[in-house]
Amino acid sequence: MITPISADRLVDRITELVVGRPGRVRLAVDGAPPTRPVALAERVVAELRTRGRAGLVVAAADFLRPASVRLEYGREDPDEFLDGWLDETGLRREVLDPAGPDGTGRVLPRLWNSAADRAFRERYTQLPDNGITVLAGALLLGRGLPLELSVHLRMSGAALARNLPEAEHWTLAAYARYDLERQPADHADLLVLADHPDRPAVQLGG
């Protein structure tokens, strides 16, 4: 069943998923850039704070591999974009493992500045025992990342082609393969239909 939902109510819905869980929680907000996953994650963290839970947004784009590795097969290789751009090892080591229920809570919010192709000079953040880490970005699900909860912002191929800048259309093949092979909708605790991000809908019952 598909149910339209306001942007504000969507934030509430995601927040409610999280606040019902004790201890540290790792939540992924997964979606292509036009679905605005980072902006949604920031709103969720702001709402969490009003409910007494500390939260931290981590952008997946700040955990890419160095250009020498990421672009080994060229700047517009869709398979490498899907499989090889994200530094999963660094993300696990610096964020997801310490942010877990049994982790130390000592999290590095940003690792690699892909624009400058060098490490950020970032300080570690100490999460409290009930802190929430929200990992936001694209192509995150179906990788086996350690997460308690996930939200997938689904945008159809046609809508994605309309909303992505033309210079990024080479990534469309990666998003199509992601949907086909990794089936992110099946991994998500909440599926959001986001062809029109300002007018989302949630899909219930599978």
N, C-alpha and C. Protein backbone atom coordinates (compact mmCIF):
# COMPACT_ATOMS: atom_id res chain seq x y z
N MET A 1 0.84 -1.19 0.00
CA MET A 1 0.00 0.00 0.00
C MET A 1 0.88 1.25 0.00
N ILE A 2 0.56 2.19 -0.86
CA ILE A 2 1.32 3.44 -0.97
C ILE A 2 0.52 4.55 -0.31
N THR A 3 1.16 5.24 0.62
CA THR A 3 0.49 6.30 1.39
C THR A 3 1.24 7.60 1.27
N PRO A 4 0.64 8.65 0.70
CA PRO A 4 1.31 9.95 0.67
C PRO A 4 1.58 10.44 2.09
N ILE A 5 2.66 11.19 2.23
CA ILE A 5 3.05 11.67 3.54
C ILE A 5 3.74 13.02 3.38
N SER A 6 3.51 13.92 4.31
CA SER A 6 4.19 15.22 4.24
C SER A 6 5.65 15.06 4.61
N ALA A 7 6.47 16.03 4.19
CA ALA A 7 7.89 15.99 4.53
C ALA A 7 8.08 16.01 6.05
N ASP A 8 7.28 16.81 6.75
CA ASP A 8 7.39 16.87 8.21
C ASP A 8 7.00 15.54 8.85
N ARG A 9 5.94 14.95 8.36
CA ARG A 9 5.50 13.67 8.93
C ARG A 9 6.51 12.56 8.63
N LEU A 10 7.18 12.65 7.49
CA LEU A 10 8.22 11.67 7.18
C LEU A 10 9.35 11.74 8.20
N VAL A 11 9.75 12.95 8.55
CA VAL A 11 10.78 13.11 9.58
C VAL A 11 10.32 12.48 10.88
N ASP A 12 9.07 12.74 11.26
CA ASP A 12 8.52 12.15 12.48
C ASP A 12 8.52 10.62 12.39
N ARG A 13 8.14 10.10 11.23
CA ARG A 13 8.04 8.64 11.05
C ARG A 13 9.41 7.99 11.23
N ILE A 14 10.43 8.57 10.64
CA ILE A 14 11.78 8.02 10.77
C ILE A 14 12.27 8.16 12.20
N THR A 15 12.00 9.30 12.81
CA THR A 15 12.42 9.52 14.19
C THR A 15 11.78 8.49 15.12
N GLU A 16 10.53 8.18 14.88
CA GLU A 16 9.83 7.20 15.72
C GLU A 16 10.44 5.81 15.59
N LEU A 17 10.95 5.48 14.40
CA LEU A 17 11.64 4.20 14.24
C LEU A 17 12.84 4.10 15.16
N VAL A 18 13.52 5.23 15.33
CA VAL A 18 14.79 5.24 16.05
C VAL A 18 14.59 5.34 17.56
N VAL A 19 13.72 6.24 18.00
CA VAL A 19 13.62 6.50 19.44
C VAL A 19 13.06 5.31 20.21
N GLY A 20 12.42 4.40 19.54
CA GLY A 20 11.92 3.22 20.22
C GLY A 20 13.00 2.20 20.54
N ARG A 21 14.22 2.45 20.10
CA ARG A 21 15.32 1.52 20.34
C ARG A 21 16.27 2.08 21.40
N PRO A 22 16.61 1.29 22.40
CA PRO A 22 17.57 1.75 23.40
C PRO A 22 19.00 1.65 22.89
N GLY A 23 19.91 2.31 23.59
CA GLY A 23 21.33 2.22 23.25
C GLY A 23 21.67 2.96 21.97
N ARG A 24 22.89 2.75 21.52
CA ARG A 24 23.33 3.38 20.26
C ARG A 24 22.64 2.71 19.08
N VAL A 25 22.31 3.54 18.09
CA VAL A 25 21.62 3.05 16.89
C VAL A 25 22.31 3.62 15.67
N ARG A 26 22.50 2.77 14.66
CA ARG A 26 23.06 3.19 13.37
C ARG A 26 21.96 3.11 12.32
N LEU A 27 21.63 4.25 11.75
CA LEU A 27 20.57 4.36 10.75
C LEU A 27 21.17 4.83 9.43
N ALA A 28 20.79 4.18 8.34
CA ALA A 28 21.18 4.65 7.01
C ALA A 28 19.97 5.32 6.35
N VAL A 29 20.22 6.49 5.76
CA VAL A 29 19.25 7.13 4.88
C VAL A 29 19.86 7.08 3.49
N ASP A 30 19.34 6.19 2.67
CA ASP A 30 19.95 5.83 1.40
C ASP A 30 19.14 6.39 0.25
N GLY A 31 19.80 7.15 -0.64
CA GLY A 31 19.11 7.66 -1.81
C GLY A 31 20.06 8.41 -2.71
N ALA A 32 19.73 8.45 -3.98
CA ALA A 32 20.53 9.22 -4.94
C ALA A 32 20.47 10.71 -4.59
N PRO A 33 21.44 11.50 -5.03
CA PRO A 33 21.49 12.91 -4.62
C PRO A 33 20.19 13.69 -4.80
N PRO A 34 19.43 13.50 -5.90
CA PRO A 34 18.19 14.29 -6.03
C PRO A 34 17.14 14.00 -4.96
N THR A 35 17.26 12.88 -4.25
CA THR A 35 16.31 12.58 -3.18
C THR A 35 16.68 13.28 -1.87
N ARG A 36 17.83 13.93 -1.83
CA ARG A 36 18.30 14.74 -0.70
C ARG A 36 18.43 13.95 0.60
N PRO A 37 19.20 12.87 0.58
CA PRO A 37 19.31 12.06 1.80
C PRO A 37 20.00 12.77 2.95
N VAL A 38 21.00 13.60 2.67
CA VAL A 38 21.70 14.28 3.76
C VAL A 38 20.80 15.31 4.43
N ALA A 39 20.05 16.06 3.62
CA ALA A 39 19.12 17.04 4.19
C ALA A 39 18.08 16.37 5.07
N LEU A 40 17.56 15.23 4.63
CA LEU A 40 16.59 14.50 5.43
C LEU A 40 17.24 14.00 6.72
N ALA A 41 18.45 13.48 6.62
CA ALA A 41 19.16 13.00 7.81
C ALA A 41 19.36 14.13 8.82
N GLU A 42 19.69 15.30 8.34
CA GLU A 42 19.90 16.44 9.24
C GLU A 42 18.61 16.81 9.96
N ARG A 43 17.49 16.74 9.26
CA ARG A 43 16.20 17.04 9.89
C ARG A 43 15.85 15.98 10.94
N VAL A 44 16.15 14.73 10.64
CA VAL A 44 15.88 13.66 11.59
C VAL A 44 16.72 13.85 12.85
N VAL A 45 17.99 14.18 12.70
CA VAL A 45 18.86 14.38 13.85
C VAL A 45 18.39 15.57 14.68
N ALA A 46 17.95 16.63 14.02
CA ALA A 46 17.43 17.78 14.75
C ALA A 46 16.20 17.38 15.57
N GLU A 47 15.33 16.56 14.99
CA GLU A 47 14.14 16.10 15.72
C GLU A 47 14.51 15.16 16.85
N LEU A 48 15.48 14.31 16.61
CA LEU A 48 15.94 13.40 17.67
C LEU A 48 16.41 14.18 18.89
N ARG A 49 17.11 15.28 18.63
CA ARG A 49 17.63 16.08 19.75
C ARG A 49 16.50 16.67 20.57
N THR A 50 15.40 17.03 19.93
CA THR A 50 14.27 17.56 20.71
C THR A 50 13.64 16.48 21.57
N ARG A 51 13.91 15.22 21.23
CA ARG A 51 13.36 14.11 22.00
C ARG A 51 14.39 13.49 22.94
N GLY A 52 15.49 14.21 23.13
CA GLY A 52 16.47 13.79 24.12
C GLY A 52 17.48 12.77 23.66
N ARG A 53 17.63 12.57 22.35
CA ARG A 53 18.62 11.62 21.84
C ARG A 53 19.66 12.39 21.03
N ALA A 54 20.92 12.26 21.40
CA ALA A 54 21.99 12.89 20.64
C ALA A 54 22.14 12.20 19.30
N GLY A 55 22.41 12.97 18.26
CA GLY A 55 22.55 12.41 16.93
C GLY A 55 23.68 13.03 16.15
N LEU A 56 24.20 12.28 15.20
CA LEU A 56 25.29 12.72 14.35
C LEU A 56 25.01 12.29 12.92
N VAL A 57 25.09 13.23 11.98
CA VAL A 57 24.95 12.90 10.56
C VAL A 57 26.33 12.66 9.97
N VAL A 58 26.48 11.54 9.30
CA VAL A 58 27.71 11.22 8.58
C VAL A 58 27.37 11.08 7.11
N ALA A 59 27.97 11.91 6.27
CA ALA A 59 27.72 11.85 4.83
C ALA A 59 28.65 10.81 4.20
N ALA A 60 28.06 9.88 3.47
CA ALA A 60 28.88 8.86 2.81
C ALA A 60 29.88 9.48 1.84
N ALA A 61 29.53 10.63 1.29
CA ALA A 61 30.45 11.31 0.34
C ALA A 61 31.75 11.74 1.01
N ASP A 62 31.79 11.77 2.33
CA ASP A 62 33.02 12.11 3.04
C ASP A 62 33.82 10.87 3.40
N PHE A 63 33.42 9.74 2.84
CA PHE A 63 34.15 8.48 3.05
C PHE A 63 34.37 7.77 1.71
N LEU A 64 34.80 8.56 0.72
CA LEU A 64 35.17 7.97 -0.57
C LEU A 64 36.64 7.58 -0.55
N ARG A 65 37.00 6.70 -1.43
CA ARG A 65 38.41 6.28 -1.54
C ARG A 65 39.20 7.37 -2.27
N PRO A 66 40.52 7.41 -2.10
CA PRO A 66 41.33 8.40 -2.81
C PRO A 66 41.16 8.29 -4.33
N ALA A 67 41.38 9.39 -5.02
CA ALA A 67 41.17 9.44 -6.47
C ALA A 67 42.02 8.41 -7.20
N SER A 68 43.23 8.16 -6.73
CA SER A 68 44.11 7.21 -7.41
C SER A 68 43.51 5.81 -7.44
N VAL A 69 42.69 5.49 -6.46
CA VAL A 69 42.02 4.19 -6.40
C VAL A 69 40.63 4.28 -7.02
N ARG A 70 39.89 5.33 -6.65
CA ARG A 70 38.50 5.48 -7.07
C ARG A 70 38.36 5.64 -8.58
N LEU A 71 39.32 6.33 -9.19
CA LEU A 71 39.23 6.66 -10.61
C LEU A 71 40.21 5.85 -11.46
N GLU A 72 40.62 4.71 -10.94
CA GLU A 72 41.60 3.88 -11.64
C GLU A 72 41.13 3.51 -13.05
N TYR A 73 39.83 3.31 -13.20
CA TYR A 73 39.29 2.90 -14.50
C TYR A 73 38.59 4.06 -15.23
N GLY A 74 38.93 5.28 -14.83
CA GLY A 74 38.36 6.45 -15.47
C GLY A 74 37.38 7.16 -14.56
N ARG A 75 37.05 8.38 -14.92
CA ARG A 75 36.17 9.21 -14.09
C ARG A 75 34.69 8.89 -14.28
N GLU A 76 34.35 8.13 -15.30
CA GLU A 76 32.94 7.87 -15.58
C GLU A 76 32.68 6.38 -15.80
N ASP A 77 33.16 5.58 -14.87
CA ASP A 77 32.94 4.13 -14.92
C ASP A 77 31.81 3.79 -13.96
N PRO A 78 30.61 3.45 -14.47
CA PRO A 78 29.48 3.23 -13.57
C PRO A 78 29.65 2.03 -12.65
N ASP A 79 30.33 0.99 -13.12
CA ASP A 79 30.54 -0.18 -12.26
C ASP A 79 31.45 0.16 -11.09
N GLU A 80 32.50 0.91 -11.35
CA GLU A 80 33.39 1.31 -10.26
C GLU A 80 32.68 2.29 -9.32
N PHE A 81 31.82 3.14 -9.86
CA PHE A 81 31.04 4.06 -9.04
C PHE A 81 30.20 3.29 -8.02
N LEU A 82 29.60 2.20 -8.47
CA LEU A 82 28.78 1.39 -7.58
C LEU A 82 29.63 0.57 -6.62
N ASP A 83 30.66 -0.07 -7.12
CA ASP A 83 31.39 -1.07 -6.34
C ASP A 83 32.63 -0.55 -5.63
N GLY A 84 33.24 0.54 -6.16
CA GLY A 84 34.57 0.88 -5.68
C GLY A 84 34.80 2.27 -5.13
N TRP A 85 33.80 3.14 -5.19
CA TRP A 85 34.03 4.51 -4.72
C TRP A 85 33.99 4.63 -3.21
N LEU A 86 33.06 3.95 -2.56
CA LEU A 86 32.90 4.08 -1.12
C LEU A 86 34.01 3.33 -0.39
N ASP A 87 34.62 4.00 0.58
CA ASP A 87 35.65 3.37 1.42
C ASP A 87 34.94 2.63 2.56
N GLU A 88 34.49 1.43 2.27
CA GLU A 88 33.74 0.67 3.27
C GLU A 88 34.59 0.35 4.49
N THR A 89 35.86 0.05 4.26
CA THR A 89 36.75 -0.28 5.39
C THR A 89 36.89 0.90 6.33
N GLY A 90 37.15 2.09 5.75
CA GLY A 90 37.28 3.29 6.57
C GLY A 90 35.98 3.64 7.27
N LEU A 91 34.87 3.45 6.58
CA LEU A 91 33.57 3.77 7.16
C LEU A 91 33.25 2.86 8.35
N ARG A 92 33.56 1.60 8.20
CA ARG A 92 33.35 0.67 9.31
C ARG A 92 34.27 1.00 10.48
N ARG A 93 35.54 1.22 10.18
CA ARG A 93 36.53 1.43 11.23
C ARG A 93 36.28 2.72 12.01
N GLU A 94 35.97 3.79 11.28
CA GLU A 94 35.90 5.11 11.91
C GLU A 94 34.49 5.50 12.38
N VAL A 95 33.47 4.83 11.83
CA VAL A 95 32.10 5.23 12.16
C VAL A 95 31.26 4.06 12.66
N LEU A 96 31.01 3.11 11.81
CA LEU A 96 29.97 2.13 12.10
C LEU A 96 30.33 1.18 13.23
N ASP A 97 31.57 0.74 13.29
CA ASP A 97 31.94 -0.15 14.40
C ASP A 97 31.93 0.58 15.74
N PRO A 98 32.59 1.73 15.87
CA PRO A 98 32.53 2.42 17.17
C PRO A 98 31.15 2.96 17.52
N ALA A 99 30.31 3.23 16.52
CA ALA A 99 28.97 3.75 16.79
C ALA A 99 27.96 2.67 17.12
N GLY A 100 28.37 1.41 17.08
CA GLY A 100 27.46 0.31 17.35
C GLY A 100 27.15 0.15 18.82
N PRO A 101 26.20 -0.71 19.14
CA PRO A 101 25.80 -0.90 20.54
C PRO A 101 26.95 -1.29 21.45
N ASP A 102 27.92 -2.01 20.93
CA ASP A 102 29.05 -2.46 21.75
C ASP A 102 30.34 -1.72 21.43
N GLY A 103 30.23 -0.63 20.66
CA GLY A 103 31.42 0.12 20.27
C GLY A 103 31.87 1.11 21.32
N THR A 104 32.96 1.79 21.01
CA THR A 104 33.52 2.77 21.94
C THR A 104 32.79 4.09 21.93
N GLY A 105 32.03 4.36 20.84
CA GLY A 105 31.35 5.65 20.69
C GLY A 105 32.25 6.74 20.13
N ARG A 106 33.50 6.44 19.88
CA ARG A 106 34.45 7.45 19.38
C ARG A 106 34.43 7.41 17.85
N VAL A 107 33.76 8.41 17.25
CA VAL A 107 33.45 8.41 15.82
C VAL A 107 34.15 9.57 15.12
N LEU A 108 34.66 9.29 13.93
CA LEU A 108 35.24 10.33 13.08
C LEU A 108 34.19 10.75 12.07
N PRO A 109 33.65 11.98 12.15
CA PRO A 109 32.53 12.36 11.26
C PRO A 109 32.89 12.44 9.79
N ARG A 110 34.13 12.80 9.46
CA ARG A 110 34.54 12.91 8.05
C ARG A 110 35.95 12.36 7.92
N LEU A 111 36.21 11.64 6.83
CA LEU A 111 37.53 11.04 6.63
C LEU A 111 38.27 11.64 5.45
N TRP A 112 37.63 11.66 4.27
CA TRP A 112 38.36 12.01 3.05
C TRP A 112 37.64 13.11 2.27
N ASN A 113 38.38 14.19 2.01
CA ASN A 113 37.88 15.30 1.21
C ASN A 113 38.15 14.97 -0.26
N SER A 114 37.13 14.49 -0.96
CA SER A 114 37.34 14.03 -2.33
C SER A 114 37.63 15.19 -3.28
N ALA A 115 37.14 16.39 -2.97
CA ALA A 115 37.42 17.55 -3.84
C ALA A 115 38.89 17.92 -3.79
N ALA A 116 39.47 17.91 -2.59
CA ALA A 116 40.89 18.24 -2.43
C ALA A 116 41.77 16.99 -2.54
N ASP A 117 41.15 15.82 -2.50
CA ASP A 117 41.84 14.53 -2.51
C ASP A 117 42.89 14.44 -1.39
N ARG A 118 42.42 14.72 -0.20
CA ARG A 118 43.27 14.57 0.99
C ARG A 118 42.36 14.36 2.19
N ALA A 119 42.94 13.92 3.28
CA ALA A 119 42.17 13.66 4.48
C ALA A 119 41.68 14.97 5.10
N PHE A 120 40.48 14.92 5.67
CA PHE A 120 40.01 16.04 6.47
C PHE A 120 40.81 16.11 7.76
N ARG A 121 40.95 17.30 8.30
CA ARG A 121 41.54 17.46 9.62
C ARG A 121 40.39 17.53 10.62
N GLU A 122 39.82 16.41 10.86
CA GLU A 122 38.60 16.32 11.66
C GLU A 122 38.90 15.73 13.03
N ARG A 123 38.22 16.23 14.04
CA ARG A 123 38.36 15.68 15.38
C ARG A 123 37.31 14.59 15.60
N TYR A 124 37.65 13.66 16.45
CA TYR A 124 36.70 12.60 16.80
C TYR A 124 35.58 13.17 17.68
N THR A 125 34.41 12.57 17.54
CA THR A 125 33.24 12.90 18.35
C THR A 125 32.92 11.72 19.24
N GLN A 126 32.62 11.99 20.50
CA GLN A 126 32.24 10.92 21.42
C GLN A 126 30.73 10.85 21.53
N LEU A 127 30.17 9.76 21.05
CA LEU A 127 28.72 9.55 21.16
C LEU A 127 28.37 9.04 22.55
N PRO A 128 27.26 9.51 23.11
CA PRO A 128 26.80 8.94 24.38
C PRO A 128 26.27 7.52 24.16
N ASP A 129 25.95 6.87 25.26
CA ASP A 129 25.51 5.48 25.17
C ASP A 129 24.22 5.30 24.39
N ASN A 130 23.43 6.38 24.27
CA ASN A 130 22.18 6.27 23.50
C ASN A 130 22.23 7.14 22.24
N GLY A 131 23.44 7.44 21.76
CA GLY A 131 23.60 8.30 20.58
C GLY A 131 23.19 7.60 19.29
N ILE A 132 22.73 8.42 18.35
CA ILE A 132 22.26 7.92 17.05
C ILE A 132 23.21 8.41 15.96
N THR A 133 23.67 7.51 15.13
CA THR A 133 24.48 7.88 13.96
C THR A 133 23.63 7.66 12.72
N VAL A 134 23.50 8.71 11.91
CA VAL A 134 22.72 8.62 10.67
C VAL A 134 23.67 8.74 9.49
N LEU A 135 23.87 7.65 8.80
CA LEU A 135 24.70 7.61 7.61
C LEU A 135 23.83 7.93 6.41
N ALA A 136 24.19 8.98 5.66
CA ALA A 136 23.34 9.44 4.56
C ALA A 136 24.12 9.48 3.27
N GLY A 137 23.51 8.98 2.21
CA GLY A 137 24.16 9.01 0.90
C GLY A 137 23.54 7.99 -0.03
N ALA A 138 24.24 7.73 -1.12
CA ALA A 138 23.72 6.87 -2.18
C ALA A 138 24.40 5.50 -2.18
N LEU A 139 23.66 4.50 -2.65
CA LEU A 139 24.21 3.17 -2.93
C LEU A 139 24.77 2.49 -1.68
N LEU A 140 24.06 2.63 -0.57
CA LEU A 140 24.57 2.16 0.72
C LEU A 140 24.10 0.77 1.10
N LEU A 141 22.95 0.35 0.63
CA LEU A 141 22.35 -0.89 1.11
C LEU A 141 22.80 -2.09 0.30
N GLY A 142 22.61 -3.27 0.88
CA GLY A 142 23.02 -4.49 0.21
C GLY A 142 24.51 -4.73 0.23
N ARG A 143 25.24 -4.00 1.07
CA ARG A 143 26.69 -4.15 1.20
C ARG A 143 27.09 -4.94 2.45
N GLY A 144 26.12 -5.20 3.29
CA GLY A 144 26.43 -5.85 4.55
C GLY A 144 26.98 -4.91 5.60
N LEU A 145 26.75 -3.60 5.44
CA LEU A 145 27.20 -2.65 6.46
C LEU A 145 26.43 -2.89 7.75
N PRO A 146 27.10 -2.76 8.90
CA PRO A 146 26.42 -2.99 10.18
C PRO A 146 25.50 -1.83 10.53
N LEU A 147 24.21 -2.07 10.42
CA LEU A 147 23.19 -1.04 10.65
C LEU A 147 22.04 -1.66 11.44
N GLU A 148 21.44 -0.85 12.31
CA GLU A 148 20.24 -1.31 12.99
C GLU A 148 18.98 -1.02 12.17
N LEU A 149 18.98 0.10 11.43
CA LEU A 149 17.81 0.54 10.69
C LEU A 149 18.24 1.17 9.37
N SER A 150 17.34 1.14 8.41
CA SER A 150 17.65 1.81 7.14
C SER A 150 16.37 2.32 6.49
N VAL A 151 16.54 3.44 5.79
CA VAL A 151 15.47 4.06 5.00
C VAL A 151 15.99 4.17 3.58
N HIS A 152 15.20 3.74 2.62
CA HIS A 152 15.58 3.87 1.22
C HIS A 152 14.67 4.86 0.53
N LEU A 153 15.26 5.89 -0.06
CA LEU A 153 14.53 6.90 -0.82
C LEU A 153 14.58 6.47 -2.28
N ARG A 154 13.49 5.90 -2.75
CA ARG A 154 13.48 5.34 -4.11
C ARG A 154 13.02 6.39 -5.12
N MET A 155 13.85 6.61 -6.13
CA MET A 155 13.49 7.47 -7.25
C MET A 155 13.58 6.63 -8.52
N SER A 156 12.54 6.65 -9.31
CA SER A 156 12.52 5.84 -10.53
C SER A 156 13.63 6.29 -11.48
N GLY A 157 13.98 5.40 -12.41
CA GLY A 157 15.01 5.73 -13.38
C GLY A 157 14.68 6.96 -14.20
N ALA A 158 13.40 7.08 -14.59
CA ALA A 158 12.99 8.24 -15.40
C ALA A 158 13.10 9.53 -14.59
N ALA A 159 12.66 9.49 -13.33
CA ALA A 159 12.75 10.68 -12.49
C ALA A 159 14.20 11.03 -12.19
N LEU A 160 15.01 10.01 -11.98
CA LEU A 160 16.42 10.26 -11.71
C LEU A 160 17.09 10.92 -12.91
N ALA A 161 16.76 10.45 -14.12
CA ALA A 161 17.32 11.05 -15.33
C ALA A 161 16.90 12.51 -15.47
N ARG A 162 15.69 12.84 -15.05
CA ARG A 162 15.22 14.23 -15.12
C ARG A 162 15.91 15.12 -14.09
N ASN A 163 16.23 14.56 -12.94
CA ASN A 163 16.71 15.37 -11.83
C ASN A 163 18.22 15.43 -11.69
N LEU A 164 18.92 14.46 -12.22
CA LEU A 164 20.38 14.50 -12.17
C LEU A 164 20.92 15.49 -13.19
N PRO A 165 21.95 16.25 -12.86
CA PRO A 165 22.61 17.08 -13.87
C PRO A 165 23.10 16.21 -15.03
N GLU A 166 23.06 16.76 -16.23
CA GLU A 166 23.45 15.98 -17.40
C GLU A 166 24.86 15.41 -17.25
N ALA A 167 25.74 16.15 -16.61
CA ALA A 167 27.12 15.69 -16.44
C ALA A 167 27.21 14.44 -15.58
N GLU A 168 26.14 14.13 -14.83
CA GLU A 168 26.14 12.94 -13.98
C GLU A 168 25.30 11.81 -14.55
N HIS A 169 24.86 11.93 -15.79
CA HIS A 169 24.02 10.88 -16.36
C HIS A 169 24.76 9.56 -16.55
N TRP A 170 26.07 9.62 -16.55
CA TRP A 170 26.84 8.38 -16.66
C TRP A 170 26.61 7.47 -15.44
N THR A 171 26.14 8.05 -14.31
CA THR A 171 25.88 7.24 -13.11
C THR A 171 24.56 6.49 -13.18
N LEU A 172 23.71 6.81 -14.16
CA LEU A 172 22.39 6.17 -14.23
C LEU A 172 22.51 4.65 -14.32
N ALA A 173 23.49 4.16 -15.06
CA ALA A 173 23.67 2.71 -15.18
C ALA A 173 24.01 2.09 -13.84
N ALA A 174 24.75 2.81 -12.99
CA ALA A 174 25.08 2.30 -11.66
C ALA A 174 23.84 2.20 -10.79
N TYR A 175 22.97 3.22 -10.84
CA TYR A 175 21.75 3.18 -10.05
C TYR A 175 20.81 2.08 -10.53
N ALA A 176 20.75 1.86 -11.84
CA ALA A 176 19.92 0.79 -12.37
C ALA A 176 20.43 -0.57 -11.92
N ARG A 177 21.74 -0.75 -11.94
CA ARG A 177 22.32 -2.01 -11.49
C ARG A 177 22.12 -2.20 -9.98
N TYR A 178 22.23 -1.12 -9.24
CA TYR A 178 21.99 -1.16 -7.79
C TYR A 178 20.59 -1.68 -7.49
N ASP A 179 19.59 -1.12 -8.16
CA ASP A 179 18.22 -1.56 -7.95
C ASP A 179 18.03 -3.03 -8.32
N LEU A 180 18.64 -3.44 -9.42
CA LEU A 180 18.45 -4.79 -9.92
C LEU A 180 19.18 -5.83 -9.07
N GLU A 181 20.43 -5.55 -8.73
CA GLU A 181 21.27 -6.55 -8.08
C GLU A 181 21.18 -6.51 -6.55
N ARG A 182 21.12 -5.33 -5.99
CA ARG A 182 21.16 -5.21 -4.52
C ARG A 182 19.79 -5.02 -3.90
N GLN A 183 18.81 -4.69 -4.72
CA GLN A 183 17.42 -4.59 -4.29
C GLN A 183 17.29 -3.83 -2.96
N PRO A 184 17.68 -2.57 -2.96
CA PRO A 184 17.68 -1.81 -1.70
C PRO A 184 16.31 -1.71 -1.04
N ALA A 185 15.25 -1.72 -1.84
CA ALA A 185 13.92 -1.64 -1.25
C ALA A 185 13.64 -2.82 -0.33
N ASP A 186 14.22 -3.97 -0.64
CA ASP A 186 14.00 -5.17 0.19
C ASP A 186 14.81 -5.12 1.48
N HIS A 187 15.88 -4.33 1.49
CA HIS A 187 16.73 -4.23 2.68
C HIS A 187 16.23 -3.16 3.66
N ALA A 188 15.38 -2.27 3.19
CA ALA A 188 15.03 -1.09 3.99
C ALA A 188 13.92 -1.40 4.99
N ASP A 189 14.04 -0.79 6.16
CA ASP A 189 12.97 -0.85 7.15
C ASP A 189 11.83 0.08 6.78
N LEU A 190 12.14 1.12 6.03
CA LEU A 190 11.12 2.05 5.53
C LEU A 190 11.47 2.41 4.09
N LEU A 191 10.52 2.19 3.19
CA LEU A 191 10.69 2.53 1.78
C LEU A 191 9.90 3.80 1.49
N VAL A 192 10.61 4.80 1.00
CA VAL A 192 10.00 6.09 0.67
C VAL A 192 10.05 6.28 -0.84
N LEU A 193 8.92 6.54 -1.45
CA LEU A 193 8.86 6.83 -2.88
C LEU A 193 9.12 8.31 -3.06
N ALA A 194 10.21 8.64 -3.75
CA ALA A 194 10.71 10.01 -3.76
C ALA A 194 10.90 10.56 -5.16
N ASP A 195 10.04 10.18 -6.10
CA ASP A 195 10.11 10.80 -7.43
C ASP A 195 9.93 12.31 -7.32
N HIS A 196 9.12 12.72 -6.36
CA HIS A 196 8.93 14.14 -6.05
C HIS A 196 9.30 14.33 -4.58
N PRO A 197 10.55 14.66 -4.27
CA PRO A 197 11.00 14.70 -2.88
C PRO A 197 10.18 15.59 -1.97
N ASP A 198 9.55 16.63 -2.52
CA ASP A 198 8.71 17.49 -1.69
C ASP A 198 7.33 16.89 -1.43
N ARG A 199 7.01 15.82 -2.16
CA ARG A 199 5.72 15.15 -1.98
C ARG A 199 5.97 13.64 -1.88
N PRO A 200 6.61 13.19 -0.82
CA PRO A 200 6.95 11.77 -0.72
C PRO A 200 5.75 10.90 -0.41
N ALA A 201 5.96 9.60 -0.53
CA ALA A 201 4.98 8.62 -0.10
C ALA A 201 5.75 7.46 0.51
N VAL A 202 5.10 6.74 1.40
CA VAL A 202 5.72 5.54 1.97
C VAL A 202 4.98 4.32 1.46
N GLN A 203 5.75 3.25 1.28
CA GLN A 203 5.16 2.00 0.84
C GLN A 203 5.16 1.02 2.00
N LEU A 204 4.00 0.47 2.30
CA LEU A 204 3.84 -0.43 3.43
C LEU A 204 3.46 -1.82 2.93
N GLY A 205 3.69 -2.78 3.80
CA GLY A 205 3.26 -4.14 3.49
C GLY A 205 4.10 -4.82 2.45
N GLY A 206 5.46 -4.63 2.53
CA GLY A 206 6.37 -5.35 1.63
C GLY A 206 6.95 -4.47 0.60
